Amino acid sequence: MPSIGLVLLAIVGAESGNVALAVLFAVLAGAIVAGLLVVLAQERWAALLGRLSASVAQRLRREADPEQWSQTVVDFRSRVSSGLPGKLARSMVALVLMVIADATILTLAIRFTGIGPDVLPSLLVVGTFWTAYPLTVMPLFGFGVLDAALLAAFTEAAGLEAEASIVAALAIWRGVTLLGTLVLGAVVTLRWRRQARKG
């Protein structure tokens, strides 16, 4: 997604800072995929990656055990490697569709708050969101961090006079995509528990 976002930003002639951020995120995404492929290629590489990760983690937490981490990565490799090509293709399609839906909701929220395409073009909104998408790896879909990055990029493009509307649009987007899913999950969980008690 960051690499596609980079293309969209190039189309709309985004500022070089945004493009540099897009390149950084594209490189990080590529590194994650490359790391997964290395882990899946051979068991000894998976074990080595586990040990190296533990040695890095030991700088923050001394109790990180390299042998335990190594075994965990090897176990992960054995579970994931079975039928990976088909599963990976399906999951990538699902992920792309999910991110497209998220970007669409964000774009609509921006339009609903009165910011037109002449102020913030849709390609800029979607491209910026896709380049910043790796921030969603943080807790609660990157809550706070992703919002700040989007607010800064959109305000830079639209001007300070649009900042209040952008904040409102981000609140609407979060309400739909984050709170909405939590509410739906709670409703489903409560219904499931009631059915389990009756059954």
N, C-alpha and C. Protein backbone atom coordinates (compact mmCIF):
# COMPACT_ATOMS: atom_id res chain seq x y z
N MET A 1 0.81 -1.20 0.00
CA MET A 1 0.00 0.00 0.00
C MET A 1 0.86 1.27 0.00
N PRO A 2 1.96 1.31 0.75
CA PRO A 2 2.78 2.52 0.69
C PRO A 2 3.32 2.80 -0.72
N SER A 3 3.68 1.77 -1.45
CA SER A 3 4.22 2.00 -2.80
C SER A 3 3.14 2.51 -3.74
N ILE A 4 1.89 2.01 -3.60
CA ILE A 4 0.79 2.53 -4.42
C ILE A 4 0.50 3.97 -4.01
N GLY A 5 0.54 4.24 -2.71
CA GLY A 5 0.35 5.60 -2.22
C GLY A 5 1.40 6.55 -2.77
N LEU A 6 2.63 6.06 -2.89
CA LEU A 6 3.70 6.87 -3.46
C LEU A 6 3.39 7.27 -4.90
N VAL A 7 2.86 6.32 -5.66
CA VAL A 7 2.48 6.62 -7.05
C VAL A 7 1.39 7.69 -7.08
N LEU A 8 0.37 7.55 -6.22
CA LEU A 8 -0.72 8.53 -6.17
C LEU A 8 -0.20 9.92 -5.80
N LEU A 9 0.71 9.98 -4.84
CA LEU A 9 1.28 11.27 -4.44
C LEU A 9 2.09 11.89 -5.57
N ALA A 10 2.78 11.05 -6.32
CA ALA A 10 3.54 11.57 -7.46
C ALA A 10 2.60 12.13 -8.52
N ILE A 11 1.45 11.50 -8.71
CA ILE A 11 0.48 11.96 -9.71
C ILE A 11 -0.03 13.36 -9.36
N VAL A 12 -0.31 13.59 -8.07
CA VAL A 12 -0.84 14.90 -7.67
C VAL A 12 0.26 15.90 -7.35
N GLY A 13 1.51 15.50 -7.51
CA GLY A 13 2.63 16.42 -7.29
C GLY A 13 2.80 16.79 -5.84
N ALA A 14 2.79 15.79 -4.96
CA ALA A 14 2.91 16.04 -3.52
C ALA A 14 4.27 16.61 -3.18
N GLU A 15 4.34 17.22 -1.99
CA GLU A 15 5.59 17.78 -1.51
C GLU A 15 6.63 16.67 -1.32
N SER A 16 7.89 17.03 -1.45
CA SER A 16 8.97 16.04 -1.37
C SER A 16 9.02 15.34 -0.02
N GLY A 17 8.60 16.05 1.06
CA GLY A 17 8.59 15.41 2.38
C GLY A 17 7.64 14.24 2.42
N ASN A 18 6.45 14.40 1.81
CA ASN A 18 5.49 13.30 1.75
C ASN A 18 6.03 12.15 0.93
N VAL A 19 6.68 12.46 -0.18
CA VAL A 19 7.24 11.41 -1.03
C VAL A 19 8.34 10.67 -0.29
N ALA A 20 9.17 11.40 0.45
CA ALA A 20 10.24 10.76 1.23
C ALA A 20 9.65 9.82 2.27
N LEU A 21 8.55 10.26 2.92
CA LEU A 21 7.87 9.40 3.89
C LEU A 21 7.31 8.16 3.21
N ALA A 22 6.76 8.33 2.02
CA ALA A 22 6.21 7.20 1.27
C ALA A 22 7.31 6.20 0.93
N VAL A 23 8.46 6.69 0.51
CA VAL A 23 9.57 5.80 0.18
C VAL A 23 10.01 5.03 1.42
N LEU A 24 10.10 5.73 2.56
CA LEU A 24 10.49 5.07 3.81
C LEU A 24 9.53 3.95 4.16
N PHE A 25 8.21 4.22 4.08
CA PHE A 25 7.22 3.20 4.41
C PHE A 25 7.24 2.06 3.40
N ALA A 26 7.47 2.37 2.12
CA ALA A 26 7.55 1.31 1.11
C ALA A 26 8.74 0.39 1.39
N VAL A 27 9.86 0.97 1.80
CA VAL A 27 11.04 0.18 2.15
C VAL A 27 10.76 -0.70 3.37
N LEU A 28 10.07 -0.12 4.39
CA LEU A 28 9.73 -0.91 5.58
C LEU A 28 8.79 -2.07 5.23
N ALA A 29 7.80 -1.79 4.37
CA ALA A 29 6.88 -2.86 3.97
C ALA A 29 7.63 -3.95 3.22
N GLY A 30 8.54 -3.55 2.34
CA GLY A 30 9.35 -4.53 1.61
C GLY A 30 10.22 -5.35 2.54
N ALA A 31 10.77 -4.70 3.58
CA ALA A 31 11.61 -5.41 4.54
C ALA A 31 10.80 -6.44 5.32
N ILE A 32 9.55 -6.09 5.67
CA ILE A 32 8.69 -7.04 6.39
C ILE A 32 8.41 -8.27 5.53
N VAL A 33 8.06 -8.04 4.25
CA VAL A 33 7.79 -9.17 3.34
C VAL A 33 9.05 -9.99 3.13
N ALA A 34 10.19 -9.31 2.95
CA ALA A 34 11.46 -10.03 2.76
C ALA A 34 11.79 -10.87 3.99
N GLY A 35 11.57 -10.31 5.19
CA GLY A 35 11.81 -11.07 6.42
C GLY A 35 10.94 -12.31 6.50
N LEU A 36 9.67 -12.18 6.10
CA LEU A 36 8.76 -13.33 6.10
C LEU A 36 9.25 -14.40 5.13
N LEU A 37 9.70 -13.98 3.95
CA LEU A 37 10.18 -14.94 2.96
C LEU A 37 11.45 -15.64 3.44
N VAL A 38 12.33 -14.88 4.11
CA VAL A 38 13.56 -15.48 4.66
C VAL A 38 13.21 -16.53 5.71
N VAL A 39 12.26 -16.19 6.59
CA VAL A 39 11.85 -17.13 7.64
C VAL A 39 11.28 -18.41 7.02
N LEU A 40 10.52 -18.25 5.95
CA LEU A 40 9.87 -19.41 5.34
C LEU A 40 10.81 -20.23 4.46
N ALA A 41 11.91 -19.62 4.02
CA ALA A 41 12.80 -20.31 3.08
C ALA A 41 13.47 -21.54 3.72
N GLN A 42 14.04 -21.37 4.89
CA GLN A 42 14.74 -22.48 5.54
C GLN A 42 14.58 -22.38 7.05
N GLU A 43 14.55 -23.55 7.68
CA GLU A 43 14.37 -23.59 9.13
C GLU A 43 15.53 -22.94 9.86
N ARG A 44 16.74 -23.12 9.35
CA ARG A 44 17.90 -22.55 10.05
C ARG A 44 17.87 -21.03 10.02
N TRP A 45 17.34 -20.44 8.95
CA TRP A 45 17.22 -18.98 8.89
C TRP A 45 16.16 -18.49 9.87
N ALA A 46 15.10 -19.26 10.01
CA ALA A 46 14.06 -18.91 10.99
C ALA A 46 14.65 -18.93 12.40
N ALA A 47 15.46 -19.96 12.70
CA ALA A 47 16.09 -20.06 14.02
C ALA A 47 17.05 -18.89 14.25
N LEU A 48 17.81 -18.55 13.20
CA LEU A 48 18.76 -17.44 13.31
C LEU A 48 18.03 -16.12 13.54
N LEU A 49 16.92 -15.90 12.82
CA LEU A 49 16.14 -14.68 13.00
C LEU A 49 15.60 -14.59 14.42
N GLY A 50 15.14 -15.71 14.97
CA GLY A 50 14.64 -15.71 16.35
C GLY A 50 15.73 -15.33 17.34
N ARG A 51 16.93 -15.89 17.16
CA ARG A 51 18.04 -15.56 18.06
C ARG A 51 18.44 -14.10 17.95
N LEU A 52 18.54 -13.60 16.71
CA LEU A 52 18.91 -12.19 16.51
C LEU A 52 17.88 -11.25 17.11
N SER A 53 16.60 -11.58 16.93
CA SER A 53 15.53 -10.74 17.49
C SER A 53 15.61 -10.72 19.02
N ALA A 54 15.89 -11.87 19.61
CA ALA A 54 16.00 -11.94 21.07
C ALA A 54 17.18 -11.12 21.56
N SER A 55 18.30 -11.16 20.85
CA SER A 55 19.46 -10.38 21.29
C SER A 55 19.19 -8.88 21.20
N VAL A 56 18.40 -8.46 20.21
CA VAL A 56 18.00 -7.05 20.13
C VAL A 56 17.04 -6.73 21.27
N ALA A 57 16.09 -7.63 21.53
CA ALA A 57 15.10 -7.41 22.58
C ALA A 57 15.74 -7.39 23.97
N GLN A 58 16.85 -8.09 24.13
CA GLN A 58 17.52 -8.13 25.44
C GLN A 58 18.01 -6.76 25.88
N ARG A 59 18.17 -5.84 24.94
CA ARG A 59 18.58 -4.48 25.30
C ARG A 59 17.46 -3.76 26.04
N LEU A 60 16.22 -4.18 25.76
CA LEU A 60 15.06 -3.58 26.44
C LEU A 60 14.56 -4.45 27.59
N ARG A 61 14.58 -5.76 27.36
CA ARG A 61 14.11 -6.72 28.37
C ARG A 61 15.15 -7.82 28.51
N ARG A 62 15.81 -7.87 29.62
CA ARG A 62 16.91 -8.83 29.80
C ARG A 62 16.45 -10.29 29.79
N GLU A 63 15.17 -10.52 30.12
CA GLU A 63 14.69 -11.90 30.22
C GLU A 63 14.39 -12.55 28.88
N ALA A 64 14.57 -11.84 27.76
CA ALA A 64 14.34 -12.43 26.44
C ALA A 64 15.33 -13.57 26.21
N ASP A 65 14.82 -14.78 26.01
CA ASP A 65 15.64 -15.99 25.86
C ASP A 65 15.84 -16.29 24.38
N PRO A 66 17.08 -16.19 23.87
CA PRO A 66 17.33 -16.44 22.44
C PRO A 66 16.89 -17.81 21.95
N GLU A 67 17.09 -18.85 22.77
CA GLU A 67 16.70 -20.19 22.34
C GLU A 67 15.18 -20.33 22.28
N GLN A 68 14.48 -19.76 23.22
CA GLN A 68 13.02 -19.81 23.22
C GLN A 68 12.47 -19.02 22.03
N TRP A 69 13.03 -17.86 21.77
CA TRP A 69 12.59 -17.05 20.62
C TRP A 69 12.87 -17.80 19.32
N SER A 70 14.04 -18.44 19.26
CA SER A 70 14.40 -19.21 18.07
C SER A 70 13.39 -20.32 17.81
N GLN A 71 13.03 -21.05 18.86
CA GLN A 71 12.05 -22.14 18.72
C GLN A 71 10.68 -21.62 18.34
N THR A 72 10.31 -20.46 18.88
CA THR A 72 9.01 -19.86 18.55
C THR A 72 8.93 -19.50 17.07
N VAL A 73 10.01 -18.92 16.53
CA VAL A 73 10.02 -18.55 15.11
C VAL A 73 10.01 -19.80 14.23
N VAL A 74 10.72 -20.84 14.64
CA VAL A 74 10.72 -22.10 13.89
C VAL A 74 9.31 -22.71 13.90
N ASP A 75 8.65 -22.69 15.05
CA ASP A 75 7.27 -23.20 15.13
C ASP A 75 6.34 -22.39 14.25
N PHE A 76 6.51 -21.07 14.27
CA PHE A 76 5.71 -20.19 13.41
C PHE A 76 5.90 -20.55 11.95
N ARG A 77 7.16 -20.79 11.57
CA ARG A 77 7.46 -21.15 10.19
C ARG A 77 6.75 -22.44 9.78
N SER A 78 6.77 -23.43 10.65
CA SER A 78 6.15 -24.71 10.30
C SER A 78 4.63 -24.59 10.16
N ARG A 79 4.01 -23.73 10.97
CA ARG A 79 2.55 -23.54 10.87
C ARG A 79 2.18 -22.74 9.63
N VAL A 80 2.97 -21.73 9.31
CA VAL A 80 2.61 -20.80 8.24
C VAL A 80 2.95 -21.36 6.86
N SER A 81 4.01 -22.14 6.76
CA SER A 81 4.51 -22.55 5.44
C SER A 81 3.55 -23.47 4.69
N SER A 82 2.65 -24.14 5.40
CA SER A 82 1.72 -25.05 4.74
C SER A 82 0.66 -24.26 3.96
N GLY A 83 0.69 -24.39 2.65
CA GLY A 83 -0.27 -23.73 1.78
C GLY A 83 -0.15 -22.22 1.74
N LEU A 84 1.06 -21.70 2.00
CA LEU A 84 1.23 -20.26 2.09
C LEU A 84 0.88 -19.50 0.81
N PRO A 85 1.32 -19.95 -0.37
CA PRO A 85 1.04 -19.13 -1.57
C PRO A 85 -0.43 -18.79 -1.75
N GLY A 86 -1.31 -19.77 -1.63
CA GLY A 86 -2.74 -19.50 -1.78
C GLY A 86 -3.28 -18.62 -0.67
N LYS A 87 -2.85 -18.90 0.55
CA LYS A 87 -3.32 -18.11 1.69
C LYS A 87 -2.81 -16.67 1.62
N LEU A 88 -1.55 -16.51 1.20
CA LEU A 88 -0.97 -15.18 1.12
C LEU A 88 -1.69 -14.34 0.06
N ALA A 89 -1.98 -14.96 -1.08
CA ALA A 89 -2.67 -14.23 -2.15
C ALA A 89 -4.06 -13.78 -1.68
N ARG A 90 -4.80 -14.68 -1.03
CA ARG A 90 -6.14 -14.31 -0.54
C ARG A 90 -6.07 -13.23 0.53
N SER A 91 -5.10 -13.35 1.43
CA SER A 91 -5.01 -12.35 2.49
C SER A 91 -4.58 -10.99 1.94
N MET A 92 -3.72 -10.98 0.91
CA MET A 92 -3.32 -9.71 0.32
C MET A 92 -4.48 -9.03 -0.38
N VAL A 93 -5.31 -9.80 -1.09
CA VAL A 93 -6.49 -9.23 -1.74
C VAL A 93 -7.44 -8.66 -0.69
N ALA A 94 -7.66 -9.42 0.40
CA ALA A 94 -8.55 -8.94 1.46
C ALA A 94 -7.99 -7.68 2.11
N LEU A 95 -6.68 -7.64 2.33
CA LEU A 95 -6.06 -6.47 2.94
C LEU A 95 -6.19 -5.24 2.05
N VAL A 96 -5.95 -5.42 0.76
CA VAL A 96 -6.06 -4.30 -0.18
C VAL A 96 -7.50 -3.77 -0.19
N LEU A 97 -8.48 -4.67 -0.22
CA LEU A 97 -9.88 -4.24 -0.20
C LEU A 97 -10.21 -3.50 1.10
N MET A 98 -9.68 -3.99 2.22
CA MET A 98 -9.92 -3.34 3.50
C MET A 98 -9.34 -1.93 3.52
N VAL A 99 -8.11 -1.77 3.01
CA VAL A 99 -7.47 -0.46 3.02
C VAL A 99 -8.18 0.49 2.05
N ILE A 100 -8.66 -0.03 0.92
CA ILE A 100 -9.42 0.80 -0.02
C ILE A 100 -10.70 1.29 0.66
N ALA A 101 -11.39 0.40 1.38
CA ALA A 101 -12.62 0.79 2.08
C ALA A 101 -12.31 1.85 3.13
N ASP A 102 -11.22 1.67 3.87
CA ASP A 102 -10.83 2.63 4.90
C ASP A 102 -10.54 4.00 4.29
N ALA A 103 -9.79 4.00 3.18
CA ALA A 103 -9.45 5.26 2.51
C ALA A 103 -10.70 5.93 1.95
N THR A 104 -11.65 5.13 1.48
CA THR A 104 -12.91 5.68 0.97
C THR A 104 -13.70 6.36 2.09
N ILE A 105 -13.77 5.72 3.26
CA ILE A 105 -14.48 6.31 4.40
C ILE A 105 -13.81 7.61 4.82
N LEU A 106 -12.46 7.63 4.84
CA LEU A 106 -11.73 8.84 5.20
C LEU A 106 -12.01 9.96 4.20
N THR A 107 -11.99 9.63 2.91
CA THR A 107 -12.26 10.64 1.87
C THR A 107 -13.68 11.19 2.00
N LEU A 108 -14.65 10.31 2.23
CA LEU A 108 -16.03 10.76 2.41
C LEU A 108 -16.17 11.65 3.65
N ALA A 109 -15.48 11.29 4.73
CA ALA A 109 -15.54 12.11 5.95
C ALA A 109 -14.99 13.50 5.68
N ILE A 110 -13.93 13.58 4.90
CA ILE A 110 -13.36 14.88 4.55
C ILE A 110 -14.35 15.69 3.71
N ARG A 111 -15.01 15.04 2.78
CA ARG A 111 -16.01 15.74 1.95
C ARG A 111 -17.21 16.17 2.79
N PHE A 112 -17.64 15.33 3.74
CA PHE A 112 -18.80 15.66 4.57
C PHE A 112 -18.54 16.88 5.46
N THR A 113 -17.27 17.16 5.77
CA THR A 113 -16.96 18.32 6.60
C THR A 113 -16.74 19.58 5.77
N GLY A 114 -17.03 19.51 4.48
CA GLY A 114 -17.00 20.70 3.64
C GLY A 114 -15.70 20.97 2.93
N ILE A 115 -14.75 20.06 2.99
CA ILE A 115 -13.48 20.26 2.28
C ILE A 115 -13.62 19.62 0.90
N GLY A 116 -13.63 20.44 -0.12
CA GLY A 116 -13.84 19.95 -1.48
C GLY A 116 -12.57 19.41 -2.12
N PRO A 117 -12.73 18.78 -3.28
CA PRO A 117 -11.57 18.23 -3.99
C PRO A 117 -10.61 19.30 -4.51
N ASP A 118 -11.09 20.55 -4.61
CA ASP A 118 -10.20 21.62 -5.03
C ASP A 118 -9.21 21.98 -3.92
N VAL A 119 -9.58 21.72 -2.66
CA VAL A 119 -8.71 22.00 -1.51
C VAL A 119 -7.84 20.79 -1.19
N LEU A 120 -8.47 19.62 -1.11
CA LEU A 120 -7.76 18.35 -0.85
C LEU A 120 -8.20 17.33 -1.89
N PRO A 121 -7.43 17.16 -2.95
CA PRO A 121 -7.81 16.18 -3.97
C PRO A 121 -7.90 14.77 -3.40
N SER A 122 -8.82 14.00 -3.92
CA SER A 122 -9.03 12.63 -3.42
C SER A 122 -7.77 11.78 -3.55
N LEU A 123 -7.03 11.94 -4.64
CA LEU A 123 -5.80 11.17 -4.80
C LEU A 123 -4.78 11.52 -3.72
N LEU A 124 -4.75 12.78 -3.30
CA LEU A 124 -3.84 13.18 -2.23
C LEU A 124 -4.27 12.55 -0.90
N VAL A 125 -5.57 12.56 -0.63
CA VAL A 125 -6.09 11.96 0.62
C VAL A 125 -5.76 10.47 0.65
N VAL A 126 -6.11 9.76 -0.42
CA VAL A 126 -5.89 8.32 -0.47
C VAL A 126 -4.40 8.00 -0.48
N GLY A 127 -3.63 8.73 -1.28
CA GLY A 127 -2.19 8.48 -1.35
C GLY A 127 -1.50 8.70 -0.02
N THR A 128 -1.88 9.77 0.69
CA THR A 128 -1.30 10.04 2.00
C THR A 128 -1.66 8.95 2.99
N PHE A 129 -2.93 8.54 2.98
CA PHE A 129 -3.36 7.47 3.89
C PHE A 129 -2.61 6.18 3.62
N TRP A 130 -2.47 5.83 2.34
CA TRP A 130 -1.79 4.58 2.02
C TRP A 130 -0.30 4.62 2.35
N THR A 131 0.33 5.78 2.20
CA THR A 131 1.76 5.83 2.56
C THR A 131 1.96 5.74 4.07
N ALA A 132 0.99 6.26 4.82
CA ALA A 132 1.10 6.22 6.28
C ALA A 132 0.51 4.94 6.86
N TYR A 133 -0.04 4.06 6.03
CA TYR A 133 -0.73 2.87 6.50
C TYR A 133 0.10 2.00 7.46
N PRO A 134 1.43 1.86 7.27
CA PRO A 134 2.19 1.04 8.23
C PRO A 134 2.07 1.50 9.68
N LEU A 135 1.68 2.75 9.92
CA LEU A 135 1.49 3.21 11.30
C LEU A 135 0.33 2.50 11.99
N THR A 136 -0.52 1.83 11.21
CA THR A 136 -1.65 1.11 11.81
C THR A 136 -1.19 -0.12 12.59
N VAL A 137 0.08 -0.47 12.50
CA VAL A 137 0.58 -1.61 13.26
C VAL A 137 0.60 -1.28 14.76
N MET A 138 0.55 -0.01 15.10
CA MET A 138 0.53 0.41 16.50
C MET A 138 -0.84 0.11 17.12
N PRO A 139 -0.93 0.11 18.45
CA PRO A 139 -2.21 -0.23 19.10
C PRO A 139 -3.37 0.63 18.62
N LEU A 140 -4.56 0.02 18.59
CA LEU A 140 -5.79 0.69 18.16
C LEU A 140 -5.65 1.32 16.79
N PHE A 141 -5.06 0.53 15.85
CA PHE A 141 -4.96 0.98 14.47
C PHE A 141 -4.17 2.28 14.36
N GLY A 142 -3.14 2.42 15.19
CA GLY A 142 -2.30 3.62 15.15
C GLY A 142 -2.96 4.86 15.69
N PHE A 143 -3.93 4.66 16.59
CA PHE A 143 -4.69 5.79 17.12
C PHE A 143 -3.77 6.84 17.71
N GLY A 144 -3.94 8.07 17.30
CA GLY A 144 -3.12 9.18 17.77
C GLY A 144 -1.94 9.45 16.86
N VAL A 145 -1.11 8.43 16.63
CA VAL A 145 0.08 8.60 15.79
C VAL A 145 -0.31 8.77 14.32
N LEU A 146 -1.14 7.86 13.83
CA LEU A 146 -1.60 7.96 12.44
C LEU A 146 -2.41 9.23 12.24
N ASP A 147 -3.27 9.54 13.20
CA ASP A 147 -4.11 10.73 13.11
C ASP A 147 -3.25 11.99 13.01
N ALA A 148 -2.20 12.06 13.82
CA ALA A 148 -1.32 13.23 13.81
C ALA A 148 -0.60 13.35 12.47
N ALA A 149 -0.15 12.21 11.93
CA ALA A 149 0.54 12.24 10.63
C ALA A 149 -0.41 12.70 9.52
N LEU A 150 -1.64 12.18 9.54
CA LEU A 150 -2.61 12.59 8.53
C LEU A 150 -3.00 14.05 8.68
N LEU A 151 -3.20 14.49 9.91
CA LEU A 151 -3.56 15.89 10.15
C LEU A 151 -2.47 16.82 9.65
N ALA A 152 -1.22 16.49 9.95
CA ALA A 152 -0.11 17.34 9.50
C ALA A 152 -0.04 17.40 7.97
N ALA A 153 -0.16 16.24 7.32
CA ALA A 153 -0.06 16.20 5.86
C ALA A 153 -1.23 16.93 5.19
N PHE A 154 -2.44 16.69 5.70
CA PHE A 154 -3.62 17.32 5.09
C PHE A 154 -3.63 18.83 5.34
N THR A 155 -3.22 19.25 6.53
CA THR A 155 -3.18 20.69 6.84
C THR A 155 -2.13 21.40 5.99
N GLU A 156 -1.00 20.73 5.79
CA GLU A 156 0.04 21.30 4.94
C GLU A 156 -0.48 21.51 3.52
N ALA A 157 -1.27 20.56 3.04
CA ALA A 157 -1.78 20.66 1.67
C ALA A 157 -2.95 21.63 1.55
N ALA A 158 -3.83 21.65 2.57
CA ALA A 158 -5.06 22.45 2.48
C ALA A 158 -4.93 23.83 3.11
N GLY A 159 -3.98 24.02 3.98
CA GLY A 159 -3.83 25.30 4.67
C GLY A 159 -4.43 25.26 6.06
N LEU A 160 -3.97 26.18 6.92
CA LEU A 160 -4.40 26.19 8.32
C LEU A 160 -5.89 26.47 8.47
N GLU A 161 -6.49 27.16 7.52
CA GLU A 161 -7.92 27.47 7.63
C GLU A 161 -8.79 26.21 7.55
N ALA A 162 -8.25 25.13 7.01
CA ALA A 162 -9.01 23.88 6.89
C ALA A 162 -8.74 22.93 8.05
N GLU A 163 -7.88 23.33 9.00
CA GLU A 163 -7.46 22.41 10.05
C GLU A 163 -8.64 21.91 10.90
N ALA A 164 -9.54 22.80 11.30
CA ALA A 164 -10.67 22.38 12.14
C ALA A 164 -11.54 21.36 11.41
N SER A 165 -11.78 21.58 10.14
CA SER A 165 -12.58 20.63 9.35
C SER A 165 -11.87 19.30 9.20
N ILE A 166 -10.55 19.34 9.08
CA ILE A 166 -9.78 18.09 8.96
C ILE A 166 -9.84 17.30 10.26
N VAL A 167 -9.73 18.00 11.39
CA VAL A 167 -9.85 17.33 12.69
C VAL A 167 -11.22 16.68 12.82
N ALA A 168 -12.27 17.40 12.41
CA ALA A 168 -13.63 16.84 12.46
C ALA A 168 -13.74 15.61 11.56
N ALA A 169 -13.15 15.69 10.38
CA ALA A 169 -13.19 14.55 9.44
C ALA A 169 -12.47 13.34 10.02
N LEU A 170 -11.32 13.57 10.66
CA LEU A 170 -10.60 12.46 11.28
C LEU A 170 -11.39 11.85 12.42
N ALA A 171 -12.11 12.69 13.17
CA ALA A 171 -12.96 12.17 14.26
C ALA A 171 -14.09 11.32 13.71
N ILE A 172 -14.70 11.77 12.60
CA ILE A 172 -15.77 10.98 11.96
C ILE A 172 -15.21 9.66 11.46
N TRP A 173 -14.08 9.71 10.79
CA TRP A 173 -13.45 8.50 10.26
C TRP A 173 -13.14 7.51 11.38
N ARG A 174 -12.57 8.00 12.49
CA ARG A 174 -12.27 7.11 13.62
C ARG A 174 -13.56 6.56 14.23
N GLY A 175 -14.57 7.41 14.32
CA GLY A 175 -15.83 6.95 14.88
C GLY A 175 -16.42 5.80 14.10
N VAL A 176 -16.35 5.90 12.78
CA VAL A 176 -16.91 4.84 11.93
C VAL A 176 -16.02 3.61 11.93
N THR A 177 -14.72 3.79 11.71
CA THR A 177 -13.83 2.63 11.51
C THR A 177 -13.34 1.99 12.79
N LEU A 178 -13.20 2.75 13.85
CA LEU A 178 -12.68 2.18 15.10
C LEU A 178 -13.80 1.92 16.09
N LEU A 179 -14.53 2.95 16.46
CA LEU A 179 -15.63 2.75 17.41
C LEU A 179 -16.73 1.89 16.81
N GLY A 180 -17.00 2.09 15.53
CA GLY A 180 -18.04 1.28 14.88
C GLY A 180 -17.76 -0.20 14.94
N THR A 181 -16.52 -0.59 14.66
CA THR A 181 -16.17 -2.01 14.71
C THR A 181 -16.20 -2.55 16.13
N LEU A 182 -15.78 -1.72 17.10
CA LEU A 182 -15.82 -2.16 18.50
C LEU A 182 -17.26 -2.38 18.96
N VAL A 183 -18.16 -1.48 18.56
CA VAL A 183 -19.57 -1.62 18.93
C VAL A 183 -20.16 -2.87 18.29
N LEU A 184 -19.89 -3.07 17.00
CA LEU A 184 -20.38 -4.27 16.31
C LEU A 184 -19.84 -5.54 16.97
N GLY A 185 -18.56 -5.52 17.32
CA GLY A 185 -17.97 -6.68 18.00
C GLY A 185 -18.62 -6.95 19.34
N ALA A 186 -18.92 -5.88 20.09
CA ALA A 186 -19.57 -6.05 21.39
C ALA A 186 -20.97 -6.62 21.23
N VAL A 187 -21.71 -6.13 20.22
CA VAL A 187 -23.07 -6.65 19.97
C VAL A 187 -23.03 -8.12 19.62
N VAL A 188 -22.10 -8.50 18.74
CA VAL A 188 -21.99 -9.90 18.33
C VAL A 188 -21.60 -10.77 19.53
N THR A 189 -20.68 -10.29 20.35
CA THR A 189 -20.25 -11.05 21.53
C THR A 189 -21.39 -11.25 22.51
N LEU A 190 -22.16 -10.19 22.77
CA LEU A 190 -23.30 -10.30 23.69
C LEU A 190 -24.35 -11.28 23.14
N ARG A 191 -24.61 -11.19 21.86
CA ARG A 191 -25.60 -12.11 21.26
C ARG A 191 -25.11 -13.56 21.35
N TRP A 192 -23.83 -13.76 21.08
CA TRP A 192 -23.26 -15.10 21.15
C TRP A 192 -23.36 -15.66 22.56
N ARG A 193 -23.07 -14.82 23.57
CA ARG A 193 -23.15 -15.27 24.96
C ARG A 193 -24.58 -15.63 25.35
N ARG A 194 -25.55 -14.82 24.90
CA ARG A 194 -26.94 -15.13 25.20
C ARG A 194 -27.37 -16.44 24.58
N GLN A 195 -26.96 -16.68 23.34
CA GLN A 195 -27.30 -17.93 22.67
C GLN A 195 -26.63 -19.11 23.35
N ALA A 196 -25.41 -18.91 23.82
CA ALA A 196 -24.67 -19.99 24.51
C ALA A 196 -25.37 -20.34 25.83
N ARG A 197 -25.92 -19.35 26.54
CA ARG A 197 -26.62 -19.62 27.79
C ARG A 197 -27.92 -20.36 27.55
N LYS A 198 -28.63 -19.99 26.47
CA LYS A 198 -29.90 -20.65 26.15
C LYS A 198 -29.66 -22.08 25.70
N GLY A 199 -28.56 -22.29 24.96
CA GLY A 199 -28.29 -23.62 24.41
C GLY A 199 -27.67 -24.50 25.42
